[in-house]
Amino acid sequence: MASPTPLFFLFFLITTASFPKSSRTQSISETSNGEGFMAMELSERGLEFLKDLLINKAIASTIPLKLPRLEKSAKFPFLGNVQMTLTGITIDEIDVLSSYVKPGDTGVAIIASGMTCNLSMNWYYKYSSWLLPVEISDKGNASVQVEGMEVGLTLGLKNQNGSLKLSAMECGCIVRGIKINVDGGASWLYQGMIDAFAGRITSAVESTITKNLKDGIDKLDAFLQSLPKEIPVDDIASLNVTFLSDPLLTSNSIQFDINGLFMARQNTSSTSMEYFRNSQSSVLCSDPSKMLGIELDEAVFNSACALYYNAKFMQWIVDKIPDQALLNTAGWRFIAPKLYKKYPNDDMNLNISLSSPPVISVSEQKIDATVNAALIINVLEANQAIPVACVSFEISGSASVRISGNNLAGSMKLDGFTMIQNWSDVGNLPLFVIQPVMWTAIETVFLPYVNAHLAQGIPLPIVHGFALQNAETVTTSSKITVCGDVAYRDDKQRTELHI
């Protein structure tokens, strides 16, 4: 599908959440009443940036703009009846002196004033009079400078079944004056053409630009309605970006609330796990000059953990460790004599699986992760894995986040873990011996696997074609906030930067 005009980017990006005043427990599939787990906010500076981008791109996509053919008959003293025609009327250039964007109670107003535009056209006239029995005609070119033009647009923004509904509440163009310069032909007809066509040209410019704006808004609305409500993360998961409420318009920003939780690909149903979200009034950015703030509740990350856990992607078989001798029963001769006696000189492996989804907890300047897992020690005999003992352990780790392109990426490190023996067919195991082995297995198998996925990051809900710049992350109670500027890349730049 072809890219829409930049008007789409303006209203997809200028969104954030207005969190409720009380905390509540909420299911993944129950994020209604405008209470989502992800939020965005575009500041006043961000609004100005997108407004300027919108105007520049709209002008570039509009020029040249064709106006309809104009014809008029007029009667002049001594000349008689004159038939005049203007063809090929084209707006070739538009300049904007000043503009502003202003969110209001009912919509977003974009006003461009002090505009000028240059038109080119072909003119033709013919006339006959009682003085001359023959018909006289002439033709040439003309240029028109439109001065004092103002274009105003007020857009309504509504949530419609999880998509953003865009409508033109007001749309208009006013031309306050024009100046016509005629080339070729009889210059004495100059004033006559002004008198005959100035009003018609003015009306044609106003109506054509207004119609062009309304058509663009209709196409843009259709495009918005067709946008998917999830962003693919990988073959397993998508990010639910369903809009949950009407935008909240303030005097200097526009805010919107979205679902923000992970969901299974091609599956609209969600798990029944519930998540707790603390109350917060707005997106928090330490630097108010940043254009964009994106806030993620810790429930976003916990929903990802639950999804991958339920998809059984959190299980590992470890058959190689630095001290490979410990993966043979002979290496346990003096550590666990019963094991060696029952299975002499047999290879072993370690089956590590999570017993519940990992839990992510975000606090001031810190992100904690708690993982509960089980370790089953298997003896490999006659091509069979025979479980001989089970140990449960709890891993505690800490995470850090960073911005990678338009993704929120991160990494995790091991802080510590505790172990207890659940059962054993070979007597009590010396956990103090197993603990270093497990530490090594976690650091060489579990953490690299997790960090490989965290390095790819999760996509932030930013429209393709825009890129975060100078971004920083801030952690507060249960929230991670990304604050940064926004840059627009044309097709060539996007290809070079792989955005």
Protein backbone atom coordinates (compact mmCIF):
# COMPACT_ATOMS: atom_id res chain seq x y z
CA MET A 1 0.00 0.00 0.00
CA ALA A 2 1.32 3.44 -0.85
CA SER A 3 2.36 5.66 1.99
CA PRO A 4 -0.27 8.18 3.07
CA THR A 5 0.32 11.87 3.41
CA PRO A 6 2.25 12.96 6.53
CA LEU A 7 -1.06 13.93 8.09
CA PHE A 8 -1.32 10.29 9.18
CA PHE A 9 2.00 10.42 10.98
CA LEU A 10 0.93 13.52 12.87
CA PHE A 11 -2.05 11.86 14.46
CA PHE A 12 -0.58 8.42 14.98
CA LEU A 13 2.37 9.82 16.89
CA ILE A 14 0.69 12.51 18.95
CA THR A 15 -0.81 10.07 21.43
CA THR A 16 -0.44 9.23 25.11
CA ALA A 17 -2.47 7.81 28.00
CA SER A 18 -4.50 9.49 30.69
CA PHE A 19 -4.27 7.04 33.54
CA PRO A 20 -7.18 6.69 35.97
CA LYS A 21 -7.01 8.02 39.49
CA SER A 22 -7.22 4.65 41.19
CA SER A 23 -5.24 1.44 40.82
CA ARG A 24 -6.94 -1.71 39.69
CA THR A 25 -6.29 -5.29 38.64
CA GLN A 26 -6.92 -5.92 34.98
CA SER A 27 -6.90 -8.89 32.64
CA ILE A 28 -5.01 -8.86 29.35
CA SER A 29 -8.27 -9.17 27.46
CA GLU A 30 -10.00 -6.59 29.60
CA THR A 31 -8.16 -3.35 28.85
CA SER A 32 -11.27 -1.26 28.29
CA ASN A 33 -12.55 2.07 29.57
CA GLY A 34 -9.44 3.86 28.34
CA GLU A 35 -7.03 2.05 30.66
CA GLY A 36 -4.09 0.69 28.70
CA PHE A 37 -0.61 -0.41 29.64
CA MET A 38 1.27 1.71 27.13
CA ALA A 39 1.09 5.45 26.63
CA MET A 40 2.53 8.13 24.39
CA GLU A 41 2.63 11.89 24.48
CA LEU A 42 3.83 14.43 21.97
CA SER A 43 4.96 17.70 23.50
CA GLU A 44 4.38 21.18 22.13
CA ARG A 45 7.76 21.04 20.42
CA GLY A 46 6.86 17.72 18.88
CA LEU A 47 3.58 19.12 17.64
CA GLU A 48 5.40 21.99 15.96
CA PHE A 49 7.84 19.59 14.33
CA LEU A 50 5.08 17.43 12.87
CA LYS A 51 3.03 20.44 11.85
CA ASP A 52 5.97 21.83 9.84
CA LEU A 53 6.59 18.40 8.34
CA LEU A 54 2.94 18.05 7.46
CA ILE A 55 2.82 21.42 5.70
CA ASN A 56 6.05 20.88 3.78
CA LYS A 57 5.10 17.37 2.67
CA ALA A 58 1.53 18.37 1.85
CA ILE A 59 2.79 21.21 -0.37
CA ALA A 60 5.31 18.93 -2.05
CA SER A 61 2.65 16.32 -2.77
CA THR A 62 0.14 18.93 -4.01
CA ILE A 63 2.33 20.91 -6.42
CA PRO A 64 1.62 21.19 -9.28
CA LEU A 65 -2.10 21.52 -8.65
CA LYS A 66 -4.40 21.84 -11.63
CA LEU A 67 -7.41 24.17 -11.55
CA PRO A 68 -10.45 23.85 -13.82
CA ARG A 69 -10.79 25.69 -17.13
CA LEU A 70 -12.46 29.09 -16.86
CA GLU A 71 -14.56 30.84 -19.49
CA LYS A 72 -16.30 34.17 -19.42
CA SER A 73 -17.98 36.61 -21.76
CA ALA A 74 -17.82 40.34 -21.17
CA LYS A 75 -18.95 43.40 -23.05
CA PHE A 76 -16.50 46.29 -23.43
CA PRO A 77 -17.20 49.78 -24.79
CA PHE A 78 -16.36 50.11 -28.49
CA LEU A 79 -15.15 46.50 -28.59
CA GLY A 80 -18.41 44.77 -28.14
CA ASN A 81 -18.66 41.19 -26.87
CA VAL A 82 -15.38 39.54 -25.82
CA GLN A 83 -15.14 35.76 -25.20
CA MET A 84 -12.27 34.94 -22.86
CA THR A 85 -10.90 31.53 -21.85
CA LEU A 86 -8.24 30.47 -19.35
CA THR A 87 -6.73 26.97 -19.63
CA GLY A 88 -3.88 25.07 -18.05
CA ILE A 89 -4.34 26.95 -14.78
CA THR A 90 -1.74 25.47 -12.46
CA ILE A 91 -0.53 26.33 -8.98
CA ASP A 92 3.24 25.97 -9.35
CA GLU A 93 4.49 27.23 -6.02
CA ILE A 94 3.17 27.78 -2.50
CA ASP A 95 5.01 29.60 0.28
CA VAL A 96 3.89 29.69 3.91
CA LEU A 97 4.84 32.70 6.01
CA SER A 98 3.53 31.41 9.35
CA SER A 99 1.57 28.49 10.76
CA TYR A 100 0.53 26.95 14.03
CA VAL A 101 -1.15 23.86 15.42
CA LYS A 102 -3.50 24.06 18.38
CA PRO A 103 -5.28 21.19 20.11
CA GLY A 104 -8.69 22.17 21.40
CA ASP A 105 -11.63 20.66 23.21
CA THR A 106 -13.15 19.15 20.09
CA GLY A 107 -10.31 18.75 17.62
CA VAL A 108 -6.90 19.77 16.35
CA ALA A 109 -6.65 23.05 14.47
CA ILE A 110 -3.91 23.63 11.90
CA ILE A 111 -3.73 27.15 10.51
CA ALA A 112 -1.38 28.40 7.78
CA SER A 113 -1.53 32.15 7.17
CA GLY A 114 0.27 34.78 5.14
CA MET A 115 0.53 32.27 2.31
CA THR A 116 1.38 33.17 -1.26
CA CYS A 117 1.15 31.01 -4.34
CA ASN A 118 2.09 31.44 -7.97
CA LEU A 119 -0.10 30.30 -10.81
CA SER A 120 0.59 29.92 -14.51
CA MET A 121 -2.03 29.73 -17.25
CA ASN A 122 -2.80 30.13 -20.92
CA TRP A 123 -5.27 32.77 -22.03
CA TYR A 124 -7.26 33.16 -25.21
CA TYR A 125 -9.81 35.72 -26.30
CA LYS A 126 -11.81 36.64 -29.37
CA TYR A 127 -14.15 39.46 -30.05
CA SER A 128 -16.09 41.15 -32.81
CA SER A 129 -17.73 44.56 -32.97
CA TRP A 130 -19.78 46.66 -35.30
CA LEU A 131 -16.63 48.64 -36.13
CA LEU A 132 -14.86 45.59 -37.52
CA PRO A 133 -16.71 43.05 -39.63
CA VAL A 134 -14.09 40.34 -38.93
CA GLU A 135 -13.46 38.38 -35.72
CA ILE A 136 -10.27 39.21 -33.86
CA SER A 137 -8.54 36.80 -31.50
CA ASP A 138 -5.34 36.62 -29.53
CA LYS A 139 -3.65 34.31 -27.02
CA GLY A 140 -0.74 34.20 -24.67
CA ASN A 141 0.48 33.27 -21.23
CA ALA A 142 -0.18 34.79 -17.86
CA SER A 143 1.13 34.47 -14.34
CA VAL A 144 -0.88 35.10 -11.21
CA GLN A 145 0.39 35.82 -7.74
CA VAL A 146 -2.04 35.03 -4.95
CA GLU A 147 -1.40 37.02 -1.81
CA GLY A 148 -2.71 36.87 1.75
CA MET A 149 -4.01 33.31 1.47
CA GLU A 150 -5.02 31.48 4.64
CA VAL A 151 -5.79 27.78 5.00
CA GLY A 152 -7.52 26.42 8.08
CA LEU A 153 -8.25 22.84 9.07
CA THR A 154 -9.86 21.42 12.20
CA LEU A 155 -9.68 17.67 12.53
CA GLY A 156 -11.81 15.52 14.78
CA LEU A 157 -10.16 12.48 16.37
CA LYS A 158 -12.21 9.63 17.78
CA ASN A 159 -11.64 6.04 18.78
CA GLN A 160 -13.69 3.72 16.61
CA ASN A 161 -13.47 0.02 17.45
CA GLY A 162 -9.83 0.30 18.44
CA SER A 163 -8.81 2.38 15.41
CA LEU A 164 -8.41 6.12 15.04
CA LYS A 165 -11.29 7.83 13.23
CA LEU A 166 -10.33 11.05 11.45
CA SER A 167 -12.87 13.60 10.23
CA ALA A 168 -12.78 17.12 8.86
CA MET A 169 -14.77 19.27 11.25
CA GLU A 170 -13.80 22.48 9.46
CA CYS A 171 -11.84 22.97 6.27
CA GLY A 172 -11.41 26.10 4.22
CA CYS A 173 -9.19 28.41 2.20
CA ILE A 174 -9.44 32.20 1.91
CA VAL A 175 -7.67 34.30 -0.74
CA ARG A 176 -7.45 38.02 0.04
CA GLY A 177 -5.92 39.29 -3.18
CA ILE A 178 -4.41 38.36 -6.54
CA LYS A 179 -2.12 40.05 -9.04
CA ILE A 180 -2.21 39.06 -12.75
CA ASN A 181 0.62 39.64 -15.22
CA VAL A 182 -0.22 38.98 -18.87
CA ASP A 183 2.45 38.04 -21.41
CA GLY A 184 1.85 38.33 -25.14
CA GLY A 185 -1.15 39.61 -26.98
CA ALA A 186 -2.64 43.04 -26.59
CA SER A 187 -1.59 44.59 -23.31
CA TRP A 188 -4.50 46.99 -23.42
CA LEU A 189 -6.76 44.03 -22.46
CA TYR A 190 -4.81 43.54 -19.18
CA GLN A 191 -7.22 45.43 -16.95
CA GLY A 192 -10.17 43.85 -18.61
CA MET A 193 -8.94 40.35 -17.81
CA ILE A 194 -8.39 41.31 -14.19
CA ASP A 195 -11.90 42.63 -13.93
CA ALA A 196 -13.31 39.62 -15.68
CA PHE A 197 -11.38 36.79 -13.99
CA ALA A 198 -9.99 37.96 -10.65
CA GLY A 199 -13.02 36.76 -8.72
CA ARG A 200 -13.26 33.53 -10.72
CA ILE A 201 -9.57 32.72 -10.17
CA THR A 202 -9.91 33.47 -6.47
CA SER A 203 -12.90 31.15 -6.15
CA ALA A 204 -11.16 28.42 -8.15
CA VAL A 205 -8.08 28.54 -5.92
CA GLU A 206 -10.17 28.44 -2.73
CA SER A 207 -12.46 25.62 -3.85
CA THR A 208 -9.68 23.49 -5.38
CA ILE A 209 -7.44 23.64 -2.32
CA THR A 210 -10.39 22.98 0.00
CA LYS A 211 -11.51 19.98 -2.08
CA ASN A 212 -7.96 18.66 -2.20
CA LEU A 213 -7.72 18.84 1.60
CA LYS A 214 -11.05 17.06 2.12
CA ASP A 215 -10.15 14.32 -0.35
CA GLY A 216 -6.85 13.83 1.43
CA ILE A 217 -8.55 13.54 4.81
CA ASP A 218 -11.01 10.96 3.47
CA LYS A 219 -8.17 8.86 2.07
CA LEU A 220 -6.23 9.25 5.27
CA ASP A 221 -9.20 8.15 7.36
CA ALA A 222 -9.61 5.05 5.18
CA PHE A 223 -5.93 4.29 5.66
CA LEU A 224 -6.21 4.69 9.43
CA GLN A 225 -9.14 2.30 9.53
CA SER A 226 -7.12 -0.31 7.63
CA LEU A 227 -4.12 -0.21 9.96
CA PRO A 228 -3.42 -3.47 11.80
CA LYS A 229 -4.07 -3.46 15.53
CA GLU A 230 -0.94 -5.40 16.35
CA ILE A 231 2.77 -5.01 15.63
CA PRO A 232 4.56 -8.31 14.91
CA VAL A 233 7.49 -8.96 17.25
CA ASP A 234 8.47 -12.42 15.99
CA ASP A 235 6.77 -15.62 14.86
CA ILE A 236 5.22 -16.09 18.29
CA ALA A 237 4.19 -12.69 19.63
CA SER A 238 2.68 -9.39 18.58
CA LEU A 239 2.24 -6.13 20.42
CA ASN A 240 -1.40 -5.10 20.83
CA VAL A 241 -1.65 -1.45 19.74
CA THR A 242 -5.42 -1.16 19.88
CA PHE A 243 -6.62 2.34 20.75
CA LEU A 244 -8.75 2.28 23.89
CA SER A 245 -10.30 5.73 24.16
CA ASP A 246 -10.74 9.04 22.40
CA PRO A 247 -7.62 11.20 22.36
CA LEU A 248 -7.17 13.54 25.30
CA LEU A 249 -6.42 17.00 23.95
CA THR A 250 -4.70 19.51 26.22
CA SER A 251 -3.57 23.04 25.44
CA ASN A 252 -0.08 21.92 24.42
CA SER A 253 -0.23 18.18 23.72
CA ILE A 254 -2.40 15.35 22.50
CA GLN A 255 -2.67 12.16 24.52
CA PHE A 256 -3.95 8.70 23.79
CA ASP A 257 -4.19 5.36 25.57
CA ILE A 258 -3.41 2.02 23.90
CA ASN A 259 -3.51 -1.59 25.04
CA GLY A 260 0.23 -2.25 24.88
CA LEU A 261 0.24 -5.93 25.94
CA PHE A 262 1.77 -8.88 24.13
CA MET A 263 -0.53 -11.30 22.37
CA ALA A 264 -0.09 -14.49 20.36
CA ARG A 265 0.29 -14.02 16.62
CA GLN A 266 -2.89 -14.59 14.59
CA ASN A 267 -4.83 -15.10 17.79
CA THR A 268 -7.17 -12.46 19.14
CA SER A 269 -7.77 -14.33 22.38
CA SER A 270 -5.45 -13.59 25.29
CA THR A 271 -4.33 -15.47 28.35
CA SER A 272 -6.41 -15.04 31.49
CA MET A 273 -3.53 -13.78 33.62
CA GLU A 274 -4.17 -10.50 35.36
CA TYR A 275 -1.85 -7.59 35.79
CA PHE A 276 -1.74 -4.77 38.27
CA ARG A 277 -1.11 -1.23 37.09
CA ASN A 278 -0.40 1.66 39.39
CA SER A 279 -2.02 5.05 38.96
CA GLN A 280 -0.07 7.75 37.19
CA SER A 281 -1.32 11.04 35.83
CA SER A 282 0.87 11.51 32.77
CA VAL A 283 3.94 10.42 30.88
CA LEU A 284 7.04 11.49 32.77
CA CYS A 285 9.99 12.97 30.86
CA SER A 286 12.76 14.62 32.79
CA ASP A 287 13.52 16.90 29.84
CA PRO A 288 10.38 18.82 28.81
CA SER A 289 12.01 19.85 25.54
CA LYS A 290 11.83 16.27 24.23
CA MET A 291 9.30 15.80 21.46
CA LEU A 292 7.97 12.39 22.38
CA GLY A 293 7.36 10.40 25.54
CA ILE A 294 6.43 6.70 25.48
CA GLU A 295 5.52 5.03 28.74
CA LEU A 296 5.41 1.26 29.28
CA ASP A 297 3.92 -0.32 32.37
CA GLU A 298 5.78 -3.31 33.81
CA ALA A 299 2.72 -5.37 32.83
CA VAL A 300 3.84 -5.05 29.19
CA PHE A 301 6.98 -7.05 29.97
CA ASN A 302 5.15 -9.49 32.23
CA SER A 303 2.64 -10.17 29.46
CA ALA A 304 5.57 -11.05 27.17
CA CYS A 305 6.98 -13.39 29.82
CA ALA A 306 3.61 -15.11 30.22
CA LEU A 307 3.15 -15.47 26.48
CA TYR A 308 6.53 -17.09 25.85
CA TYR A 309 6.16 -19.26 28.94
CA ASN A 310 2.76 -20.57 27.78
CA ALA A 311 4.25 -21.19 24.33
CA LYS A 312 6.81 -23.47 26.04
CA PHE A 313 9.78 -21.44 24.89
CA MET A 314 11.47 -21.47 28.29
CA GLN A 315 13.04 -24.91 28.47
CA TRP A 316 16.68 -25.85 27.85
CA ILE A 317 18.68 -29.08 27.69
CA VAL A 318 22.26 -28.52 28.84
CA ASP A 319 24.72 -31.14 27.68
CA LYS A 320 27.89 -29.05 27.52
CA ILE A 321 29.48 -27.15 30.38
CA PRO A 322 33.04 -25.96 31.00
CA ASP A 323 33.69 -28.88 33.42
CA GLN A 324 32.35 -31.56 31.10
CA ALA A 325 33.38 -34.32 33.54
CA LEU A 326 30.41 -33.37 35.71
CA LEU A 327 28.08 -34.49 32.92
CA ASN A 328 29.17 -38.08 33.43
CA THR A 329 28.29 -40.19 36.45
CA ALA A 330 31.98 -40.98 36.91
CA GLY A 331 32.51 -37.36 37.87
CA TRP A 332 30.01 -37.85 40.70
CA ARG A 333 31.75 -40.94 42.17
CA PHE A 334 32.66 -39.16 45.38
CA ILE A 335 29.95 -36.48 45.27
CA ALA A 336 26.93 -38.77 44.94
CA PRO A 337 28.08 -42.37 45.39
CA LYS A 338 24.57 -43.79 44.97
CA LEU A 339 24.31 -42.13 41.58
CA TYR A 340 27.60 -43.61 40.41
CA LYS A 341 26.78 -47.03 41.85
CA LYS A 342 23.41 -47.18 40.08
CA TYR A 343 24.62 -45.68 36.76
CA PRO A 344 28.38 -46.18 36.42
CA ASN A 345 30.10 -44.19 33.65
CA ASP A 346 26.91 -42.87 31.96
CA ASP A 347 26.58 -39.49 30.33
CA MET A 348 24.16 -36.97 31.81
CA ASN A 349 22.33 -33.82 30.86
CA LEU A 350 20.48 -31.08 32.71
CA ASN A 351 16.87 -30.28 31.83
CA ILE A 352 16.14 -26.72 32.93
CA SER A 353 12.57 -25.46 32.65
CA LEU A 354 10.71 -22.55 34.17
CA SER A 355 8.00 -23.49 36.63
CA SER A 356 6.16 -20.17 36.19
CA PRO A 357 6.49 -17.06 34.02
CA PRO A 358 9.33 -14.73 35.00
CA VAL A 359 8.23 -11.69 36.99
CA ILE A 360 9.51 -8.22 36.05
CA SER A 361 9.38 -5.48 38.64
CA VAL A 362 10.26 -1.88 37.80
CA SER A 363 11.22 0.57 40.53
CA GLU A 364 13.12 3.83 40.79
CA GLN A 365 16.31 3.43 38.73
CA LYS A 366 16.06 -0.38 38.87
CA ILE A 367 14.51 -3.29 36.98
CA ASP A 368 14.38 -6.61 38.80
CA ALA A 369 13.64 -10.04 37.36
CA THR A 370 12.68 -13.14 39.32
CA VAL A 371 12.72 -16.55 37.68
CA ASN A 372 11.52 -19.79 39.30
CA ALA A 373 12.82 -22.89 37.57
CA ALA A 374 13.34 -26.60 38.02
CA LEU A 375 16.44 -28.60 37.20
CA ILE A 376 15.99 -32.28 36.38
CA ILE A 377 19.19 -34.33 36.28
CA ASN A 378 18.96 -36.99 33.58
CA VAL A 379 21.14 -40.03 33.09
CA LEU A 380 21.48 -41.06 29.44
CA GLU A 381 21.28 -44.82 29.12
CA ALA A 382 20.33 -46.86 26.07
CA ASN A 383 19.22 -43.73 24.21
CA GLN A 384 16.86 -42.84 27.03
CA ALA A 385 16.95 -39.92 29.43
CA ILE A 386 16.26 -41.24 32.91
CA PRO A 387 15.41 -38.57 35.51
CA VAL A 388 17.24 -39.26 38.76
CA ALA A 389 16.80 -36.04 40.74
CA CYS A 390 15.02 -32.68 40.68
CA VAL A 391 16.19 -29.41 42.17
CA SER A 392 14.16 -26.20 42.17
CA PHE A 393 15.83 -22.82 42.24
CA GLU A 394 14.98 -19.17 42.15
CA ILE A 395 17.07 -16.83 40.03
CA SER A 396 17.26 -13.17 40.86
CA GLY A 397 18.59 -10.84 38.22
CA SER A 398 18.64 -7.21 37.23
CA ALA A 399 17.99 -5.74 33.81
CA SER A 400 18.95 -2.62 31.96
CA VAL A 401 17.21 -1.08 28.96
CA ARG A 402 18.42 0.96 26.02
CA ILE A 403 17.10 2.32 22.74
CA SER A 404 18.02 0.44 19.58
CA GLY A 405 16.53 2.22 16.59
CA ASN A 406 12.80 2.30 17.26
CA ASN A 407 12.97 -0.66 19.65
CA LEU A 408 13.33 -0.85 23.39
CA ALA A 409 16.14 -3.35 23.91
CA GLY A 410 17.85 -4.56 27.04
CA SER A 411 20.04 -7.09 28.79
CA MET A 412 19.95 -9.06 32.01
CA LYS A 413 22.64 -10.10 34.48
CA LEU A 414 22.59 -12.71 37.21
CA ASP A 415 22.54 -11.42 40.78
CA GLY A 416 22.12 -14.72 42.59
CA PHE A 417 19.96 -17.79 43.11
CA THR A 418 18.85 -20.23 45.78
CA MET A 419 18.36 -23.99 45.44
CA ILE A 420 16.43 -26.72 47.23
CA GLN A 421 16.17 -30.42 46.44
CA ASN A 422 12.68 -31.56 45.50
CA TRP A 423 13.24 -35.28 45.09
CA SER A 424 16.01 -37.74 44.32
CA ASP A 425 16.32 -41.45 43.42
CA VAL A 426 20.02 -41.42 44.25
CA GLY A 427 20.06 -40.01 47.76
CA ASN A 428 20.65 -36.47 48.94
CA LEU A 429 22.65 -34.36 46.54
CA PRO A 430 25.38 -31.98 47.73
CA LEU A 431 23.83 -28.71 46.57
CA PHE A 432 27.05 -26.84 47.33
CA VAL A 433 28.63 -28.86 44.51
CA ILE A 434 25.72 -28.44 42.13
CA GLN A 435 25.43 -24.70 42.72
CA PRO A 436 28.62 -23.73 40.83
CA VAL A 437 27.57 -26.02 37.97
CA MET A 438 24.18 -24.37 37.84
CA TRP A 439 25.69 -20.90 38.02
CA THR A 440 27.86 -21.74 35.03
CA ALA A 441 24.92 -23.26 33.13
CA ILE A 442 22.79 -20.19 33.77
CA GLU A 443 25.51 -17.80 32.65
CA THR A 444 26.55 -19.83 29.58
CA VAL A 445 23.14 -21.10 28.39
CA PHE A 446 20.19 -19.33 29.99
CA LEU A 447 21.44 -15.73 30.03
CA PRO A 448 22.87 -15.73 26.47
CA TYR A 449 19.54 -17.07 25.20
CA VAL A 450 17.57 -14.44 27.07
CA ASN A 451 19.92 -11.60 26.18
CA ALA A 452 19.88 -12.55 22.50
CA HIS A 453 16.13 -11.94 22.50
CA LEU A 454 16.35 -8.83 24.67
CA ALA A 455 18.96 -7.35 22.32
CA GLN A 456 16.45 -7.45 19.47
CA GLY A 457 14.07 -5.44 21.60
CA ILE A 458 10.36 -4.85 21.42
CA PRO A 459 8.94 -2.41 18.87
CA LEU A 460 7.78 0.93 20.14
CA PRO A 461 4.55 2.10 18.50
CA ILE A 462 6.19 4.55 16.10
CA VAL A 463 5.07 4.75 12.49
CA HIS A 464 7.47 3.45 9.86
CA GLY A 465 9.36 6.39 8.40
CA PHE A 466 10.01 8.10 11.71
CA ALA A 467 13.02 7.48 13.94
CA LEU A 468 13.79 8.22 17.57
CA GLN A 469 16.78 10.45 18.20
CA ASN A 470 18.59 11.55 21.37
CA ALA A 471 16.41 9.15 23.33
CA GLU A 472 16.78 8.33 27.01
CA THR A 473 15.02 5.94 29.36
CA VAL A 474 13.66 6.74 32.82
CA THR A 475 12.44 4.19 35.34
CA THR A 476 9.91 5.05 38.01
CA SER A 477 7.54 3.01 40.12
CA SER A 478 6.24 0.25 37.79
CA LYS A 479 6.99 2.32 34.65
CA ILE A 480 9.68 2.64 32.01
CA THR A 481 9.48 5.86 30.03
CA VAL A 482 11.28 6.56 26.76
CA CYS A 483 11.83 10.24 26.02
CA GLY A 484 13.34 11.50 22.79
CA ASP A 485 13.09 13.54 19.66
CA VAL A 486 11.57 12.40 16.37
CA ALA A 487 13.14 12.59 12.92
CA TYR A 488 11.50 11.86 9.59
CA ARG A 489 13.39 9.88 6.96
CA ASP A 490 12.59 9.90 3.28
CA ASP A 491 12.60 6.62 1.35
CA LYS A 492 16.29 6.82 0.48
CA GLN A 493 17.34 7.57 4.06
CA ARG A 494 15.12 4.80 5.41
CA THR A 495 16.77 2.31 3.07
CA GLU A 496 20.26 3.41 4.07
CA LEU A 497 19.47 3.36 7.77
CA HIS A 498 17.31 0.19 7.63
CA ILE A 499 14.54 1.95 9.55
